[in-house]
């Protein structure tokens, strides 16, 4: 698979929480870093995602915002 996105973080799935239509998939990237992706429940099934499986978080965004109180 070839992608135009340059931000690809590979790791292990540590949690999958399904909601009514959307699932939150947590991928552990390194010892203490976890990336959470919100994808459809259908995508979880189609990709055959399960805890312990290796997966990649592909990040493609034009802006990243930072906020503080």
N, C-alpha and C. Protein backbone atom coordinates (compact mmCIF):
# COMPACT_ATOMS: atom_id res chain seq x y z
N UNK A 1 0.84 -1.17 0.00
CA UNK A 1 0.00 0.00 0.00
C UNK A 1 0.89 1.23 0.00
N UNK A 2 0.58 2.21 -0.84
CA UNK A 2 1.32 3.46 -0.89
C UNK A 2 0.37 4.58 -0.47
N UNK A 3 0.89 5.51 0.33
CA UNK A 3 0.09 6.63 0.84
C UNK A 3 0.80 7.94 0.60
N UNK A 4 0.04 9.00 0.44
CA UNK A 4 0.64 10.32 0.34
C UNK A 4 0.92 10.90 1.73
N UNK A 5 0.23 10.40 2.74
CA UNK A 5 0.42 10.89 4.10
C UNK A 5 1.82 10.54 4.57
N UNK A 6 2.47 11.46 5.24
CA UNK A 6 3.82 11.25 5.73
C UNK A 6 3.87 10.94 7.22
N UNK A 7 2.75 11.08 7.89
CA UNK A 7 2.69 10.83 9.33
C UNK A 7 2.03 9.48 9.57
N UNK A 8 2.84 8.44 9.63
CA UNK A 8 2.35 7.09 9.86
C UNK A 8 3.01 6.57 11.13
N UNK A 9 2.19 6.27 12.13
CA UNK A 9 2.69 5.81 13.42
C UNK A 9 2.22 4.36 13.62
N UNK A 10 3.17 3.45 13.68
CA UNK A 10 2.83 2.04 13.82
C UNK A 10 2.90 1.61 15.28
N UNK A 11 2.04 0.70 15.64
CA UNK A 11 2.02 0.21 17.01
C UNK A 11 1.07 -0.96 17.16
N UNK A 12 0.63 -1.18 18.40
CA UNK A 12 -0.24 -2.31 18.71
C UNK A 12 -1.57 -1.80 19.23
N UNK A 13 -2.66 -2.40 18.79
CA UNK A 13 -4.00 -2.03 19.27
C UNK A 13 -4.13 -2.48 20.71
N UNK A 14 -4.48 -1.54 21.59
CA UNK A 14 -4.62 -1.86 23.02
C UNK A 14 -6.06 -1.78 23.49
N UNK A 15 -6.94 -1.14 22.71
CA UNK A 15 -8.35 -1.05 23.10
C UNK A 15 -9.20 -0.72 21.89
N UNK A 16 -10.41 -1.27 21.87
CA UNK A 16 -11.42 -0.94 20.87
C UNK A 16 -12.73 -0.77 21.62
N UNK A 17 -13.30 0.44 21.54
CA UNK A 17 -14.57 0.71 22.22
C UNK A 17 -15.59 1.09 21.17
N UNK A 18 -16.58 0.23 20.97
CA UNK A 18 -17.61 0.51 19.96
C UNK A 18 -18.77 1.26 20.58
N UNK A 19 -19.26 2.25 19.81
CA UNK A 19 -20.46 2.97 20.18
C UNK A 19 -21.58 2.59 19.22
N UNK A 20 -22.58 3.44 19.11
CA UNK A 20 -23.71 3.15 18.23
C UNK A 20 -23.27 3.03 16.77
N UNK A 21 -22.43 3.94 16.32
CA UNK A 21 -21.95 3.91 14.93
C UNK A 21 -20.45 4.07 14.82
N UNK A 22 -19.82 4.63 15.85
CA UNK A 22 -18.39 4.94 15.81
C UNK A 22 -17.63 4.16 16.87
N UNK A 23 -16.45 3.71 16.50
CA UNK A 23 -15.57 3.01 17.44
C UNK A 23 -14.33 3.86 17.70
N UNK A 24 -13.82 3.79 18.91
CA UNK A 24 -12.55 4.43 19.26
C UNK A 24 -11.51 3.34 19.38
N UNK A 25 -10.48 3.44 18.54
CA UNK A 25 -9.41 2.45 18.51
C UNK A 25 -8.15 3.10 19.06
N UNK A 26 -7.60 2.50 20.11
CA UNK A 26 -6.38 3.02 20.73
C UNK A 26 -5.20 2.18 20.27
N UNK A 27 -4.18 2.87 19.72
CA UNK A 27 -2.96 2.22 19.25
C UNK A 27 -1.80 2.73 20.09
N UNK A 28 -1.11 1.82 20.74
CA UNK A 28 0.04 2.19 21.56
C UNK A 28 1.26 2.34 20.66
N UNK A 29 1.81 3.55 20.69
CA UNK A 29 2.99 3.89 19.89
C UNK A 29 4.12 4.13 20.88
N UNK A 30 4.92 3.16 21.15
CA UNK A 30 5.97 3.32 22.15
C UNK A 30 5.45 3.02 23.54
N UNK A 31 6.32 3.22 24.53
CA UNK A 31 6.04 2.81 25.90
C UNK A 31 4.86 3.54 26.54
N UNK A 32 4.76 4.84 26.36
CA UNK A 32 3.72 5.60 27.07
C UNK A 32 2.91 6.51 26.16
N UNK A 33 2.88 6.22 24.88
CA UNK A 33 2.15 7.05 23.94
C UNK A 33 1.05 6.24 23.28
N UNK A 34 -0.17 6.77 23.36
CA UNK A 34 -1.32 6.11 22.75
C UNK A 34 -2.03 7.10 21.84
N UNK A 35 -2.32 6.67 20.62
CA UNK A 35 -3.07 7.47 19.65
C UNK A 35 -4.47 6.85 19.56
N UNK A 36 -5.50 7.70 19.61
CA UNK A 36 -6.87 7.21 19.50
C UNK A 36 -7.47 7.68 18.19
N UNK A 37 -8.04 6.75 17.44
CA UNK A 37 -8.71 7.06 16.18
C UNK A 37 -10.19 6.77 16.32
N UNK A 38 -11.02 7.65 15.79
CA UNK A 38 -12.46 7.45 15.74
C UNK A 38 -12.81 7.01 14.32
N UNK A 39 -13.26 5.76 14.18
CA UNK A 39 -13.62 5.21 12.88
C UNK A 39 -14.97 4.51 13.01
N UNK A 40 -15.57 4.18 11.89
CA UNK A 40 -16.87 3.51 11.95
C UNK A 40 -16.72 2.08 12.45
N UNK A 41 -17.80 1.58 13.04
CA UNK A 41 -17.83 0.18 13.45
C UNK A 41 -17.62 -0.74 12.24
N UNK A 42 -18.15 -0.33 11.08
CA UNK A 42 -17.98 -1.11 9.86
C UNK A 42 -16.51 -1.23 9.47
N UNK A 43 -15.75 -0.14 9.66
CA UNK A 43 -14.32 -0.17 9.35
C UNK A 43 -13.58 -1.12 10.28
N UNK A 44 -13.97 -1.14 11.55
CA UNK A 44 -13.34 -2.08 12.50
C UNK A 44 -13.53 -3.51 12.01
N UNK A 45 -14.73 -3.83 11.58
CA UNK A 45 -15.02 -5.17 11.09
C UNK A 45 -14.28 -5.46 9.78
N UNK A 46 -14.31 -4.52 8.84
CA UNK A 46 -13.68 -4.72 7.54
C UNK A 46 -12.18 -4.91 7.66
N UNK A 47 -11.56 -4.19 8.59
CA UNK A 47 -10.11 -4.28 8.79
C UNK A 47 -9.73 -5.43 9.74
N UNK A 48 -10.75 -6.09 10.28
CA UNK A 48 -10.55 -7.20 11.22
C UNK A 48 -9.67 -6.79 12.38
N UNK A 49 -9.96 -5.60 12.94
CA UNK A 49 -9.18 -5.09 14.05
C UNK A 49 -9.49 -5.85 15.33
N UNK A 50 -8.46 -6.11 16.10
CA UNK A 50 -8.63 -6.73 17.41
C UNK A 50 -7.45 -6.35 18.30
N UNK A 51 -7.67 -6.41 19.58
CA UNK A 51 -6.63 -6.06 20.54
C UNK A 51 -5.43 -6.97 20.34
N UNK A 52 -4.24 -6.36 20.36
CA UNK A 52 -2.99 -7.09 20.17
C UNK A 52 -2.48 -7.10 18.75
N UNK A 53 -3.35 -6.75 17.79
CA UNK A 53 -2.95 -6.73 16.38
C UNK A 53 -2.13 -5.48 16.09
N UNK A 54 -1.15 -5.60 15.22
CA UNK A 54 -0.36 -4.45 14.78
C UNK A 54 -1.18 -3.63 13.80
N UNK A 55 -1.13 -2.31 13.97
CA UNK A 55 -1.86 -1.40 13.09
C UNK A 55 -1.10 -0.09 13.00
N UNK A 56 -1.46 0.73 12.04
CA UNK A 56 -0.83 2.03 11.88
C UNK A 56 -1.87 3.14 11.94
N UNK A 57 -1.52 4.21 12.63
CA UNK A 57 -2.34 5.42 12.63
C UNK A 57 -1.79 6.31 11.53
N UNK A 58 -2.60 6.61 10.54
CA UNK A 58 -2.19 7.45 9.42
C UNK A 58 -2.82 8.81 9.63
N UNK A 59 -1.99 9.84 9.77
CA UNK A 59 -2.47 11.17 10.11
C UNK A 59 -2.26 12.09 8.91
N UNK A 60 -3.36 12.64 8.43
CA UNK A 60 -3.32 13.57 7.30
C UNK A 60 -4.18 14.77 7.69
N UNK A 61 -3.54 15.87 8.00
CA UNK A 61 -4.28 17.05 8.43
C UNK A 61 -3.57 18.30 7.92
N UNK A 62 -4.35 19.29 7.61
CA UNK A 62 -3.74 20.54 7.16
C UNK A 62 -3.36 21.43 8.35
N UNK A 63 -4.00 21.24 9.48
CA UNK A 63 -3.72 22.05 10.67
C UNK A 63 -3.73 21.18 11.92
N UNK A 64 -2.88 21.52 12.85
CA UNK A 64 -2.93 20.95 14.19
C UNK A 64 -2.96 22.12 15.15
N UNK A 65 -3.98 22.15 16.00
CA UNK A 65 -4.13 23.26 16.93
C UNK A 65 -3.74 22.83 18.33
N UNK A 66 -3.21 23.77 19.09
CA UNK A 66 -2.85 23.54 20.47
C UNK A 66 -3.55 24.60 21.32
N UNK A 67 -4.11 24.19 22.45
CA UNK A 67 -4.81 25.14 23.33
C UNK A 67 -4.38 24.90 24.78
N UNK A 68 -4.38 25.95 25.55
CA UNK A 68 -4.11 25.86 26.99
C UNK A 68 -5.09 26.75 27.72
N UNK A 69 -5.30 26.47 29.00
CA UNK A 69 -6.17 27.32 29.82
C UNK A 69 -5.39 28.47 30.40
